[in-house]
N, C-alpha and C. Protein backbone atom coordinates (compact mmCIF):
# COMPACT_ATOMS: atom_id res chain seq x y z
N MET A 1 44.69 -118.10 11.77
CA MET A 1 45.77 -117.32 12.37
C MET A 1 45.22 -116.16 13.19
N PHE A 2 44.30 -115.42 12.59
CA PHE A 2 43.73 -114.26 13.30
C PHE A 2 42.81 -114.70 14.44
N GLU A 3 42.21 -115.88 14.31
CA GLU A 3 41.41 -116.42 15.42
C GLU A 3 42.30 -116.66 16.63
N LEU A 4 43.51 -117.11 16.39
CA LEU A 4 44.45 -117.34 17.48
C LEU A 4 44.79 -116.03 18.19
N ILE A 5 44.96 -114.96 17.42
CA ILE A 5 45.27 -113.65 18.01
C ILE A 5 44.10 -113.17 18.87
N VAL A 6 42.88 -113.32 18.35
CA VAL A 6 41.69 -112.87 19.09
C VAL A 6 41.53 -113.65 20.38
N THR A 7 41.69 -114.96 20.31
CA THR A 7 41.51 -115.79 21.51
C THR A 7 42.65 -115.58 22.52
N SER A 8 43.76 -115.01 22.06
CA SER A 8 44.90 -114.79 22.94
C SER A 8 44.92 -113.39 23.56
N ILE A 9 43.87 -112.60 23.28
CA ILE A 9 43.82 -111.24 23.81
C ILE A 9 43.87 -111.23 25.35
N PRO A 10 43.16 -112.11 26.06
CA PRO A 10 43.29 -112.12 27.53
C PRO A 10 44.73 -112.37 27.99
N ILE A 11 45.44 -113.24 27.27
CA ILE A 11 46.85 -113.48 27.61
C ILE A 11 47.66 -112.21 27.38
N LEU A 12 47.39 -111.55 26.25
CA LEU A 12 48.10 -110.32 25.91
C LEU A 12 47.86 -109.25 26.96
N VAL A 13 46.62 -109.10 27.40
CA VAL A 13 46.29 -108.07 28.40
C VAL A 13 47.03 -108.33 29.70
N SER A 14 47.06 -109.59 30.14
CA SER A 14 47.78 -109.91 31.38
C SER A 14 49.28 -109.71 31.21
N ASP A 15 49.78 -109.91 30.00
CA ASP A 15 51.21 -109.74 29.73
C ASP A 15 51.59 -108.26 29.69
N VAL A 16 50.68 -107.43 29.17
CA VAL A 16 50.95 -106.00 29.03
C VAL A 16 51.02 -105.31 30.39
N LEU A 17 50.38 -105.88 31.39
CA LEU A 17 50.39 -105.27 32.73
C LEU A 17 51.77 -105.45 33.35
N ASN A 18 52.73 -104.76 32.74
CA ASN A 18 54.14 -104.92 33.11
C ASN A 18 54.66 -103.62 33.71
N PRO A 19 54.76 -103.52 35.02
CA PRO A 19 55.20 -102.25 35.63
C PRO A 19 56.65 -101.91 35.33
N VAL A 20 57.47 -102.93 35.02
CA VAL A 20 58.88 -102.67 34.75
C VAL A 20 59.06 -101.90 33.45
N LEU A 21 58.41 -102.36 32.39
CA LEU A 21 58.50 -101.65 31.11
C LEU A 21 57.86 -100.28 31.20
N LEU A 22 56.73 -100.19 31.89
CA LEU A 22 56.08 -98.89 32.09
C LEU A 22 57.01 -97.91 32.77
N ALA A 23 57.69 -98.39 33.82
CA ALA A 23 58.63 -97.53 34.54
C ALA A 23 59.78 -97.11 33.63
N GLY A 24 60.25 -98.04 32.79
CA GLY A 24 61.35 -97.72 31.89
C GLY A 24 60.98 -96.67 30.86
N VAL A 25 59.79 -96.81 30.27
CA VAL A 25 59.35 -95.84 29.26
C VAL A 25 59.15 -94.46 29.89
N ILE A 26 58.53 -94.42 31.05
CA ILE A 26 58.32 -93.14 31.73
C ILE A 26 59.66 -92.51 32.12
N PHE A 27 60.62 -93.36 32.53
CA PHE A 27 61.95 -92.86 32.85
C PHE A 27 62.57 -92.21 31.61
N GLY A 28 62.41 -92.85 30.45
CA GLY A 28 62.93 -92.28 29.20
C GLY A 28 62.21 -91.00 28.83
N LEU A 29 60.90 -90.93 29.09
CA LEU A 29 60.13 -89.73 28.77
C LEU A 29 60.49 -88.56 29.69
N GLY A 30 61.11 -88.86 30.82
CA GLY A 30 61.55 -87.80 31.71
C GLY A 30 62.97 -87.37 31.48
N SER A 31 63.61 -87.89 30.42
CA SER A 31 65.01 -87.57 30.14
C SER A 31 65.13 -86.32 29.27
N ARG A 32 66.36 -85.96 28.97
CA ARG A 32 66.61 -84.75 28.17
C ARG A 32 66.14 -84.92 26.73
N ARG A 33 66.24 -86.16 26.20
CA ARG A 33 65.75 -86.46 24.85
C ARG A 33 64.64 -87.50 24.97
N PRO A 34 63.47 -87.07 25.37
CA PRO A 34 62.41 -88.03 25.74
C PRO A 34 61.94 -88.93 24.62
N PHE A 35 61.78 -88.39 23.42
CA PHE A 35 61.21 -89.18 22.33
C PHE A 35 62.20 -90.22 21.82
N LEU A 36 63.46 -89.81 21.63
CA LEU A 36 64.48 -90.74 21.16
C LEU A 36 64.75 -91.83 22.19
N ASN A 37 64.95 -91.44 23.44
CA ASN A 37 65.31 -92.41 24.47
C ASN A 37 64.19 -93.40 24.76
N SER A 38 62.97 -92.90 24.90
CA SER A 38 61.86 -93.80 25.21
C SER A 38 61.55 -94.72 24.02
N THR A 39 61.69 -94.21 22.79
CA THR A 39 61.46 -95.04 21.61
C THR A 39 62.50 -96.15 21.50
N LEU A 40 63.76 -95.80 21.72
CA LEU A 40 64.82 -96.80 21.65
C LEU A 40 64.70 -97.82 22.78
N LEU A 41 64.29 -97.38 23.95
CA LEU A 41 64.08 -98.31 25.05
C LEU A 41 62.98 -99.31 24.69
N LEU A 42 61.92 -98.80 24.09
CA LEU A 42 60.81 -99.67 23.68
C LEU A 42 61.24 -100.63 22.57
N LEU A 43 62.07 -100.13 21.63
CA LEU A 43 62.57 -100.99 20.56
C LEU A 43 63.49 -102.07 21.11
N GLY A 44 64.30 -101.71 22.10
CA GLY A 44 65.16 -102.71 22.74
C GLY A 44 64.35 -103.83 23.35
N TRP A 45 63.27 -103.45 24.01
CA TRP A 45 62.36 -104.44 24.58
C TRP A 45 61.71 -105.28 23.49
N PHE A 46 61.20 -104.62 22.44
CA PHE A 46 60.45 -105.29 21.37
C PHE A 46 61.31 -106.33 20.66
N PHE A 47 62.49 -105.94 20.20
CA PHE A 47 63.33 -106.87 19.44
C PHE A 47 63.78 -108.05 20.31
N THR A 48 64.06 -107.78 21.58
CA THR A 48 64.48 -108.86 22.49
C THR A 48 63.33 -109.83 22.73
N TYR A 49 62.14 -109.29 22.96
CA TYR A 49 60.97 -110.13 23.23
C TYR A 49 60.61 -110.97 22.01
N PHE A 50 60.67 -110.35 20.84
CA PHE A 50 60.34 -111.05 19.59
C PHE A 50 61.35 -112.16 19.31
N ALA A 51 62.64 -111.83 19.43
CA ALA A 51 63.68 -112.83 19.18
C ALA A 51 63.61 -113.96 20.20
N ALA A 52 63.38 -113.61 21.47
CA ALA A 52 63.25 -114.64 22.51
C ALA A 52 62.05 -115.53 22.24
N GLY A 53 60.96 -114.93 21.74
CA GLY A 53 59.77 -115.72 21.42
C GLY A 53 60.05 -116.75 20.34
N ILE A 54 60.83 -116.36 19.33
CA ILE A 54 61.19 -117.30 18.26
C ILE A 54 62.02 -118.45 18.82
N LEU A 55 63.04 -118.10 19.59
CA LEU A 55 63.93 -119.13 20.15
C LEU A 55 63.18 -120.06 21.11
N LEU A 56 62.32 -119.46 21.94
CA LEU A 56 61.57 -120.27 22.91
C LEU A 56 60.56 -121.18 22.22
N ALA A 57 59.91 -120.67 21.17
CA ALA A 57 58.93 -121.48 20.44
C ALA A 57 59.61 -122.68 19.78
N LEU A 58 60.82 -122.46 19.28
CA LEU A 58 61.56 -123.55 18.63
C LEU A 58 61.95 -124.64 19.61
N GLY A 59 62.21 -124.23 20.86
CA GLY A 59 62.69 -125.22 21.82
C GLY A 59 61.82 -125.38 23.05
N LEU A 60 60.53 -125.00 22.96
CA LEU A 60 59.66 -125.01 24.14
C LEU A 60 59.50 -126.42 24.72
N ASP A 61 59.30 -127.40 23.85
CA ASP A 61 59.15 -128.78 24.34
C ASP A 61 60.42 -129.25 25.05
N ALA A 62 61.57 -128.91 24.46
CA ALA A 62 62.84 -129.30 25.07
C ALA A 62 63.05 -128.60 26.41
N ILE A 63 62.61 -127.33 26.50
CA ILE A 63 62.74 -126.59 27.75
C ILE A 63 61.88 -127.23 28.85
N ILE A 64 60.65 -127.61 28.49
CA ILE A 64 59.75 -128.25 29.47
C ILE A 64 60.35 -129.57 29.96
N ASP A 65 60.88 -130.37 29.02
CA ASP A 65 61.49 -131.64 29.41
C ASP A 65 62.73 -131.42 30.26
N PHE A 66 63.46 -130.34 29.95
CA PHE A 66 64.69 -130.03 30.70
C PHE A 66 64.37 -129.76 32.17
N PHE A 67 63.31 -128.99 32.41
CA PHE A 67 62.96 -128.66 33.79
C PHE A 67 62.27 -129.81 34.52
N LYS A 68 61.75 -130.78 33.76
CA LYS A 68 61.13 -131.93 34.39
C LYS A 68 62.18 -132.88 34.98
N THR A 69 63.36 -132.89 34.38
CA THR A 69 64.41 -133.81 34.82
C THR A 69 65.67 -133.02 35.19
N PRO A 70 65.67 -132.35 36.34
CA PRO A 70 66.84 -131.55 36.75
C PRO A 70 68.05 -132.43 37.03
N ARG A 71 69.25 -131.90 36.72
CA ARG A 71 70.50 -132.61 36.95
C ARG A 71 71.35 -131.80 37.92
N PRO A 72 72.28 -132.43 38.61
CA PRO A 72 73.14 -131.68 39.55
C PRO A 72 73.84 -130.48 38.94
N ILE A 73 74.28 -130.62 37.68
CA ILE A 73 74.99 -129.50 37.04
C ILE A 73 74.09 -128.28 36.91
N ASP A 74 72.77 -128.52 36.76
CA ASP A 74 71.82 -127.41 36.66
C ASP A 74 71.83 -126.58 37.95
N PHE A 75 71.98 -127.26 39.07
CA PHE A 75 71.95 -126.55 40.35
C PHE A 75 73.30 -125.91 40.68
N VAL A 76 74.36 -126.43 40.06
CA VAL A 76 75.66 -125.74 40.16
C VAL A 76 75.56 -124.40 39.43
N VAL A 77 74.98 -124.44 38.24
CA VAL A 77 74.77 -123.20 37.48
C VAL A 77 73.84 -122.27 38.26
N GLU A 78 72.80 -122.83 38.87
CA GLU A 78 71.86 -122.03 39.66
C GLU A 78 72.57 -121.35 40.83
N THR A 79 73.50 -122.05 41.46
CA THR A 79 74.27 -121.47 42.56
C THR A 79 75.11 -120.29 42.07
N VAL A 80 75.76 -120.48 40.94
CA VAL A 80 76.58 -119.40 40.37
C VAL A 80 75.71 -118.19 40.04
N LEU A 81 74.54 -118.43 39.43
CA LEU A 81 73.64 -117.33 39.09
C LEU A 81 73.15 -116.62 40.34
N GLY A 82 72.84 -117.39 41.39
CA GLY A 82 72.40 -116.79 42.64
C GLY A 82 73.45 -115.89 43.24
N LEU A 83 74.70 -116.34 43.23
CA LEU A 83 75.81 -115.54 43.76
C LEU A 83 76.02 -114.28 42.91
N LEU A 84 75.89 -114.43 41.60
CA LEU A 84 76.06 -113.28 40.71
C LEU A 84 74.97 -112.23 40.97
N LEU A 85 73.73 -112.67 41.15
CA LEU A 85 72.63 -111.75 41.41
C LEU A 85 72.83 -111.02 42.74
N ILE A 86 73.25 -111.74 43.75
CA ILE A 86 73.50 -111.10 45.05
C ILE A 86 74.68 -110.12 44.93
N GLY A 87 75.72 -110.53 44.20
CA GLY A 87 76.84 -109.62 43.97
C GLY A 87 76.42 -108.38 43.22
N LEU A 88 75.53 -108.54 42.24
CA LEU A 88 75.01 -107.40 41.50
C LEU A 88 74.20 -106.49 42.42
N GLY A 89 73.45 -107.10 43.35
CA GLY A 89 72.68 -106.31 44.31
C GLY A 89 73.60 -105.47 45.19
N VAL A 90 74.71 -106.06 45.63
CA VAL A 90 75.68 -105.30 46.43
C VAL A 90 76.28 -104.16 45.61
N TYR A 91 76.56 -104.44 44.34
CA TYR A 91 77.13 -103.41 43.46
C TYR A 91 76.15 -102.25 43.27
N VAL A 92 74.86 -102.59 43.10
CA VAL A 92 73.84 -101.54 42.92
C VAL A 92 73.76 -100.66 44.16
N VAL A 93 73.80 -101.29 45.34
CA VAL A 93 73.75 -100.53 46.59
C VAL A 93 74.94 -99.59 46.69
N ARG A 94 76.13 -100.10 46.43
CA ARG A 94 77.34 -99.28 46.52
C ARG A 94 77.35 -98.18 45.47
N SER A 95 76.86 -98.50 44.28
CA SER A 95 76.79 -97.49 43.22
C SER A 95 75.85 -96.36 43.62
N GLY A 96 74.73 -96.75 44.26
CA GLY A 96 73.79 -95.73 44.72
C GLY A 96 74.40 -94.82 45.76
N GLN A 97 75.24 -95.38 46.63
CA GLN A 97 75.90 -94.57 47.65
C GLN A 97 76.89 -93.61 47.02
N ARG A 98 77.65 -94.09 46.03
CA ARG A 98 78.60 -93.21 45.34
C ARG A 98 77.87 -92.12 44.57
N HIS A 99 76.69 -92.51 44.03
CA HIS A 99 75.88 -91.53 43.28
C HIS A 99 75.48 -90.37 44.18
N LYS A 100 75.09 -90.70 45.41
CA LYS A 100 74.66 -89.65 46.34
C LYS A 100 75.82 -88.76 46.74
N LYS A 101 77.03 -89.36 46.87
CA LYS A 101 78.16 -88.60 47.38
C LYS A 101 78.82 -87.73 46.31
N GLY A 102 78.93 -88.30 45.09
CA GLY A 102 79.80 -87.62 44.14
C GLY A 102 79.17 -87.12 42.87
N ARG A 103 77.86 -87.31 42.68
CA ARG A 103 77.27 -86.87 41.41
C ARG A 103 76.15 -85.88 41.68
N GLU A 104 76.11 -84.85 40.84
CA GLU A 104 75.12 -83.80 41.05
C GLU A 104 74.13 -83.71 39.90
N PHE A 105 74.16 -84.69 39.01
CA PHE A 105 73.23 -84.63 37.89
C PHE A 105 72.31 -85.82 37.93
N ASP A 106 71.21 -85.73 37.20
CA ASP A 106 70.20 -86.78 37.15
C ASP A 106 70.57 -87.81 36.10
N ASP A 107 70.41 -89.09 36.41
CA ASP A 107 70.63 -90.13 35.42
C ASP A 107 69.69 -89.96 34.24
N ALA A 108 68.45 -89.57 34.51
CA ALA A 108 67.48 -89.39 33.42
C ALA A 108 67.93 -88.30 32.47
N ASP A 109 68.57 -87.26 32.97
CA ASP A 109 69.02 -86.16 32.12
C ASP A 109 70.19 -86.58 31.24
N THR A 110 71.00 -87.52 31.69
CA THR A 110 72.20 -87.93 30.96
C THR A 110 72.01 -89.25 30.22
N LEU A 111 70.79 -89.74 30.12
CA LEU A 111 70.50 -91.00 29.46
C LEU A 111 70.83 -90.90 27.97
N SER A 112 71.63 -91.84 27.47
CA SER A 112 72.04 -91.82 26.06
C SER A 112 71.16 -92.76 25.25
N ALA A 113 71.25 -92.64 23.92
CA ALA A 113 70.44 -93.47 23.03
C ALA A 113 70.83 -94.94 23.16
N GLY A 114 72.15 -95.23 23.14
CA GLY A 114 72.60 -96.61 23.27
C GLY A 114 72.22 -97.23 24.60
N THR A 115 72.33 -96.44 25.67
CA THR A 115 71.95 -96.94 26.99
C THR A 115 70.46 -97.22 27.06
N SER A 116 69.66 -96.40 26.41
CA SER A 116 68.20 -96.60 26.40
C SER A 116 67.85 -97.94 25.77
N PHE A 117 68.45 -98.23 24.61
CA PHE A 117 68.18 -99.50 23.93
C PHE A 117 68.64 -100.67 24.80
N TRP A 118 69.80 -100.52 25.42
CA TRP A 118 70.35 -101.58 26.27
C TRP A 118 69.46 -101.81 27.49
N ILE A 119 68.93 -100.74 28.07
CA ILE A 119 68.03 -100.88 29.23
C ILE A 119 66.79 -101.67 28.84
N GLY A 120 66.19 -101.32 27.69
CA GLY A 120 65.01 -102.03 27.23
C GLY A 120 65.26 -103.51 27.03
N ALA A 121 66.40 -103.85 26.41
CA ALA A 121 66.74 -105.25 26.17
C ALA A 121 67.05 -105.96 27.49
N SER A 122 67.75 -105.28 28.39
CA SER A 122 68.20 -105.91 29.63
C SER A 122 67.05 -106.24 30.56
N ILE A 123 66.13 -105.29 30.75
CA ILE A 123 65.01 -105.55 31.66
C ILE A 123 64.11 -106.63 31.09
N ASN A 124 64.10 -106.77 29.77
CA ASN A 124 63.34 -107.86 29.16
C ASN A 124 63.97 -109.20 29.48
N LEU A 125 65.29 -109.31 29.28
CA LEU A 125 65.98 -110.57 29.51
C LEU A 125 65.92 -110.97 30.98
N ILE A 126 66.04 -109.99 31.89
CA ILE A 126 65.99 -110.29 33.31
C ILE A 126 64.62 -110.84 33.71
N GLY A 127 63.57 -110.25 33.12
CA GLY A 127 62.22 -110.67 33.47
C GLY A 127 61.68 -111.83 32.66
N MET A 128 62.45 -112.32 31.67
CA MET A 128 61.96 -113.38 30.79
C MET A 128 61.54 -114.65 31.54
N PRO A 129 62.30 -115.13 32.53
CA PRO A 129 61.87 -116.35 33.23
C PRO A 129 60.52 -116.21 33.92
N PHE A 130 60.07 -114.97 34.16
CA PHE A 130 58.81 -114.75 34.86
C PHE A 130 57.67 -114.35 33.90
N ALA A 131 57.94 -114.42 32.60
CA ALA A 131 56.95 -114.01 31.59
C ALA A 131 55.99 -115.16 31.31
N ILE A 132 55.22 -115.54 32.33
CA ILE A 132 54.32 -116.69 32.23
C ILE A 132 53.29 -116.52 31.10
N PRO A 133 52.65 -115.33 30.95
CA PRO A 133 51.69 -115.18 29.86
C PRO A 133 52.31 -115.40 28.48
N TYR A 134 53.57 -114.97 28.32
CA TYR A 134 54.24 -115.15 27.02
C TYR A 134 54.46 -116.63 26.73
N PHE A 135 54.86 -117.39 27.75
CA PHE A 135 55.01 -118.83 27.58
C PHE A 135 53.67 -119.46 27.22
N ALA A 136 52.60 -118.98 27.84
CA ALA A 136 51.27 -119.50 27.54
C ALA A 136 50.90 -119.22 26.09
N PHE A 137 51.22 -118.02 25.61
CA PHE A 137 50.91 -117.67 24.22
C PHE A 137 51.73 -118.53 23.25
N LEU A 138 52.99 -118.75 23.56
CA LEU A 138 53.82 -119.60 22.71
C LEU A 138 53.26 -121.02 22.67
N GLY A 139 52.74 -121.47 23.80
CA GLY A 139 52.09 -122.78 23.82
C GLY A 139 50.88 -122.84 22.91
N GLN A 140 50.12 -121.73 22.85
CA GLN A 140 48.96 -121.67 21.96
C GLN A 140 49.39 -121.73 20.50
N ILE A 141 50.51 -121.08 20.18
CA ILE A 141 51.02 -121.12 18.80
C ILE A 141 51.38 -122.55 18.42
N LEU A 142 52.04 -123.26 19.33
CA LEU A 142 52.44 -124.63 19.04
C LEU A 142 51.22 -125.53 18.87
N LYS A 143 50.19 -125.31 19.69
CA LYS A 143 48.99 -126.14 19.60
C LYS A 143 48.21 -125.86 18.31
N ALA A 144 48.32 -124.63 17.80
CA ALA A 144 47.61 -124.27 16.57
C ALA A 144 48.21 -124.94 15.34
N ASP A 145 49.47 -125.43 15.49
CA ASP A 145 50.14 -126.15 14.41
C ASP A 145 50.18 -125.34 13.11
N LEU A 146 50.60 -124.07 13.21
CA LEU A 146 50.73 -123.21 12.04
C LEU A 146 52.01 -123.51 11.30
N ASP A 147 52.07 -123.12 10.03
CA ASP A 147 53.34 -123.20 9.32
C ASP A 147 54.26 -122.11 9.86
N TRP A 148 55.54 -122.17 9.51
CA TRP A 148 56.51 -121.26 10.14
C TRP A 148 56.21 -119.80 9.84
N MET A 149 55.71 -119.50 8.63
CA MET A 149 55.40 -118.11 8.28
C MET A 149 54.20 -117.62 9.09
N GLY A 150 53.19 -118.45 9.22
CA GLY A 150 52.01 -118.07 10.00
C GLY A 150 52.36 -117.86 11.46
N ALA A 151 53.17 -118.77 12.02
CA ALA A 151 53.58 -118.64 13.42
C ALA A 151 54.40 -117.37 13.64
N LEU A 152 55.27 -117.06 12.67
CA LEU A 152 56.10 -115.85 12.77
C LEU A 152 55.24 -114.60 12.72
N MET A 153 54.23 -114.59 11.85
CA MET A 153 53.35 -113.43 11.74
C MET A 153 52.52 -113.23 13.00
N VAL A 154 52.01 -114.32 13.57
CA VAL A 154 51.23 -114.23 14.81
C VAL A 154 52.09 -113.68 15.94
N LEU A 155 53.32 -114.17 16.01
CA LEU A 155 54.24 -113.71 17.06
C LEU A 155 54.58 -112.23 16.87
N LEU A 156 54.76 -111.81 15.61
CA LEU A 156 55.06 -110.40 15.33
C LEU A 156 53.89 -109.51 15.71
N ILE A 157 52.67 -109.91 15.34
CA ILE A 157 51.48 -109.12 15.66
C ILE A 157 51.30 -109.02 17.17
N TYR A 158 51.52 -110.12 17.87
CA TYR A 158 51.42 -110.11 19.34
C TYR A 158 52.38 -109.08 19.94
N ASN A 159 53.61 -109.09 19.47
CA ASN A 159 54.61 -108.17 20.02
C ASN A 159 54.32 -106.71 19.65
N LEU A 160 53.78 -106.49 18.46
CA LEU A 160 53.39 -105.13 18.07
C LEU A 160 52.24 -104.63 18.94
N LEU A 161 51.26 -105.50 19.19
CA LEU A 161 50.15 -105.13 20.06
C LEU A 161 50.63 -104.91 21.49
N TYR A 162 51.66 -105.64 21.87
CA TYR A 162 52.20 -105.51 23.22
C TYR A 162 52.76 -104.11 23.46
N VAL A 163 53.52 -103.60 22.50
CA VAL A 163 54.18 -102.30 22.70
C VAL A 163 53.25 -101.13 22.38
N LEU A 164 52.07 -101.41 21.81
CA LEU A 164 51.16 -100.33 21.42
C LEU A 164 50.76 -99.42 22.59
N PRO A 165 50.31 -99.96 23.73
CA PRO A 165 49.93 -99.06 24.85
C PRO A 165 51.08 -98.19 25.33
N PHE A 166 52.30 -98.74 25.33
CA PHE A 166 53.46 -97.96 25.77
C PHE A 166 53.83 -96.91 24.74
N SER A 167 53.58 -97.21 23.46
CA SER A 167 53.83 -96.22 22.40
C SER A 167 52.88 -95.04 22.54
N LEU A 168 51.67 -95.30 23.03
CA LEU A 168 50.70 -94.21 23.22
C LEU A 168 51.21 -93.18 24.22
N LEU A 169 51.98 -93.63 25.22
CA LEU A 169 52.56 -92.68 26.17
C LEU A 169 53.51 -91.71 25.47
N ILE A 170 54.25 -92.22 24.48
CA ILE A 170 55.17 -91.36 23.73
C ILE A 170 54.39 -90.34 22.91
N PHE A 171 53.27 -90.77 22.30
CA PHE A 171 52.45 -89.85 21.52
C PHE A 171 51.80 -88.80 22.42
N ILE A 172 51.38 -89.21 23.61
CA ILE A 172 50.82 -88.24 24.56
C ILE A 172 51.86 -87.19 24.92
N ARG A 173 53.08 -87.65 25.14
CA ARG A 173 54.18 -86.73 25.46
C ARG A 173 54.46 -85.80 24.30
N LEU A 174 54.32 -86.32 23.07
CA LEU A 174 54.57 -85.51 21.88
C LEU A 174 53.49 -84.46 21.67
N ILE A 175 52.23 -84.86 21.87
CA ILE A 175 51.11 -83.95 21.62
C ILE A 175 50.98 -82.90 22.72
N TYR A 176 51.10 -83.36 23.96
CA TYR A 176 50.95 -82.45 25.11
C TYR A 176 52.31 -82.22 25.76
N ARG A 177 53.26 -81.76 24.95
CA ARG A 177 54.64 -81.70 25.41
C ARG A 177 54.83 -80.79 26.61
N GLN A 178 54.36 -79.57 26.50
CA GLN A 178 54.57 -78.61 27.59
C GLN A 178 53.82 -79.02 28.85
N GLU A 179 52.59 -79.51 28.66
CA GLU A 179 51.78 -79.89 29.81
C GLU A 179 52.33 -81.12 30.53
N SER A 180 52.98 -82.01 29.75
CA SER A 180 53.44 -83.26 30.34
C SER A 180 54.89 -83.24 30.79
N ASP A 181 55.63 -82.18 30.47
CA ASP A 181 57.05 -82.10 30.83
C ASP A 181 57.25 -82.31 32.33
N VAL A 182 56.56 -81.52 33.10
CA VAL A 182 56.74 -81.57 34.56
C VAL A 182 56.25 -82.90 35.11
N LEU A 183 55.13 -83.39 34.59
CA LEU A 183 54.55 -84.63 35.08
C LEU A 183 55.50 -85.81 34.87
N PHE A 184 55.98 -85.99 33.63
CA PHE A 184 56.84 -87.13 33.34
C PHE A 184 58.19 -87.01 34.04
N LYS A 185 58.68 -85.79 34.18
CA LYS A 185 59.95 -85.61 34.88
C LYS A 185 59.80 -85.96 36.36
N SER A 186 58.68 -85.57 36.95
CA SER A 186 58.45 -85.89 38.35
C SER A 186 58.31 -87.40 38.56
N ILE A 187 57.53 -88.04 37.66
CA ILE A 187 57.36 -89.49 37.76
C ILE A 187 58.69 -90.19 37.55
N SER A 188 59.48 -89.70 36.59
CA SER A 188 60.80 -90.30 36.32
C SER A 188 61.71 -90.20 37.53
N ASP A 189 61.73 -89.03 38.17
CA ASP A 189 62.58 -88.85 39.37
C ASP A 189 62.13 -89.78 40.49
N ALA A 190 60.81 -89.90 40.66
CA ALA A 190 60.28 -90.77 41.72
C ALA A 190 60.63 -92.23 41.45
N MET A 191 60.51 -92.65 40.19
CA MET A 191 60.82 -94.04 39.85
C MET A 191 62.31 -94.32 39.96
N GLU A 192 63.13 -93.32 39.63
CA GLU A 192 64.58 -93.50 39.78
C GLU A 192 64.93 -93.72 41.26
N TRP A 193 64.30 -92.95 42.13
CA TRP A 193 64.54 -93.09 43.56
C TRP A 193 64.02 -94.43 44.07
N LEU A 194 62.82 -94.82 43.58
CA LEU A 194 62.22 -96.07 44.02
C LEU A 194 63.02 -97.28 43.53
N SER A 195 63.50 -97.21 42.27
CA SER A 195 64.25 -98.33 41.72
C SER A 195 65.57 -98.55 42.45
N ALA A 196 66.15 -97.46 42.97
CA ALA A 196 67.39 -97.59 43.73
C ALA A 196 67.16 -98.40 45.01
N ILE A 197 65.92 -98.43 45.47
CA ILE A 197 65.59 -99.21 46.67
C ILE A 197 65.11 -100.62 46.30
N LEU A 198 64.22 -100.69 45.30
CA LEU A 198 63.61 -101.98 44.96
C LEU A 198 64.56 -102.92 44.22
N MET A 199 65.40 -102.37 43.33
CA MET A 199 66.26 -103.23 42.53
C MET A 199 67.17 -104.12 43.37
N PRO A 200 67.90 -103.56 44.37
CA PRO A 200 68.73 -104.44 45.20
C PRO A 200 67.90 -105.48 45.95
N ILE A 201 66.72 -105.08 46.43
CA ILE A 201 65.86 -106.02 47.16
C ILE A 201 65.47 -107.19 46.27
N LEU A 202 65.04 -106.89 45.03
CA LEU A 202 64.65 -107.94 44.10
C LEU A 202 65.83 -108.85 43.76
N LEU A 203 67.00 -108.25 43.54
CA LEU A 203 68.18 -109.04 43.22
C LEU A 203 68.54 -109.97 44.38
N PHE A 204 68.48 -109.45 45.60
CA PHE A 204 68.78 -110.27 46.78
C PHE A 204 67.76 -111.41 46.93
N LEU A 205 66.47 -111.09 46.71
CA LEU A 205 65.43 -112.11 46.86
C LEU A 205 65.57 -113.22 45.83
N VAL A 206 65.74 -112.83 44.55
CA VAL A 206 65.86 -113.84 43.50
C VAL A 206 67.15 -114.64 43.67
N GLY A 207 68.25 -113.94 43.95
CA GLY A 207 69.52 -114.64 44.17
C GLY A 207 69.44 -115.57 45.36
N GLY A 208 68.82 -115.12 46.46
CA GLY A 208 68.66 -115.96 47.64
C GLY A 208 67.79 -117.17 47.37
N ALA A 209 66.73 -116.98 46.57
CA ALA A 209 65.85 -118.10 46.23
C ALA A 209 66.59 -119.16 45.41
N LEU A 210 67.43 -118.72 44.48
CA LEU A 210 68.21 -119.66 43.67
C LEU A 210 69.19 -120.44 44.55
N LEU A 211 69.85 -119.73 45.47
CA LEU A 211 70.79 -120.40 46.36
C LEU A 211 70.07 -121.39 47.28
N ALA A 212 68.89 -121.00 47.78
CA ALA A 212 68.11 -121.89 48.64
C ALA A 212 67.67 -123.13 47.89
N ASP A 213 67.25 -122.96 46.64
CA ASP A 213 66.81 -124.09 45.82
C ASP A 213 67.96 -125.06 45.60
N ALA A 214 69.14 -124.53 45.27
CA ALA A 214 70.32 -125.39 45.06
C ALA A 214 70.73 -126.08 46.35
N PHE A 215 70.69 -125.35 47.47
CA PHE A 215 71.08 -125.92 48.76
C PHE A 215 70.17 -127.09 49.15
N VAL A 216 68.87 -126.90 48.98
CA VAL A 216 67.91 -127.96 49.31
C VAL A 216 68.12 -129.17 48.40
N PHE A 217 68.41 -128.93 47.12
CA PHE A 217 68.63 -130.05 46.20
C PHE A 217 69.85 -130.86 46.62
N PHE A 218 70.96 -130.18 46.91
CA PHE A 218 72.17 -130.90 47.27
C PHE A 218 72.05 -131.54 48.67
N SER A 219 71.14 -131.03 49.49
CA SER A 219 70.97 -131.59 50.84
C SER A 219 70.02 -132.78 50.86
N THR A 220 68.95 -132.68 50.06
CA THR A 220 67.89 -133.70 50.11
C THR A 220 67.72 -134.48 48.82
N GLY A 221 68.27 -133.95 47.73
CA GLY A 221 68.08 -134.61 46.44
C GLY A 221 66.85 -134.15 45.71
N ASN A 222 66.05 -133.27 46.32
CA ASN A 222 64.84 -132.74 45.70
C ASN A 222 64.91 -131.22 45.69
N PRO A 223 64.57 -130.59 44.55
CA PRO A 223 64.61 -129.12 44.50
C PRO A 223 63.52 -128.49 45.35
N LEU A 224 63.77 -127.27 45.76
CA LEU A 224 62.79 -126.54 46.58
C LEU A 224 61.63 -126.07 45.73
N PHE A 225 61.91 -125.66 44.48
CA PHE A 225 60.87 -125.12 43.61
C PHE A 225 60.55 -126.13 42.50
């Protein structure tokens, strides 16, 4: 079991290089309640990733077979998802415009505990289809042919090691509170401004890619991706 963890360290390192979670934790550290908000955001991510890992490991073979044999209904769903993502992108743009016109406070300053947990869980779920290293690690668990308790423990240790570097940021903020106040607040403000620009772009790109894939399938009978 522990040999599997050691051999999976390169996968873990590539998985940890996640700018989205880093941005989320730093955003929480720049809020009015930095320790509570950033911790809950990290817990939201952790529990979602761990639970998703269990579900994916149970059905990984079925998921692989599912994508090998696409059906028309799959691309109908893909079309709906593409439209929803583009609609969400439009909503984010309009929300940002209203934010500029009618609000005088910082989102980071008004971040609540429940919202922090929800943000951590949400950004995990949105990025799950692109978590290639995590899928690779789950494949290693299946190949190791562990019993269910051993597989669960390996998955738990992996997820604990995953959040460890981000937890260190919280401890740094705790130890060097006065020195880091201005730094984390400045980074948080910059990331908030940057996310208002990047988020709609990413939503439009992913939504457009899904629509293009569905369009090509219905036009030619073969998916684009």
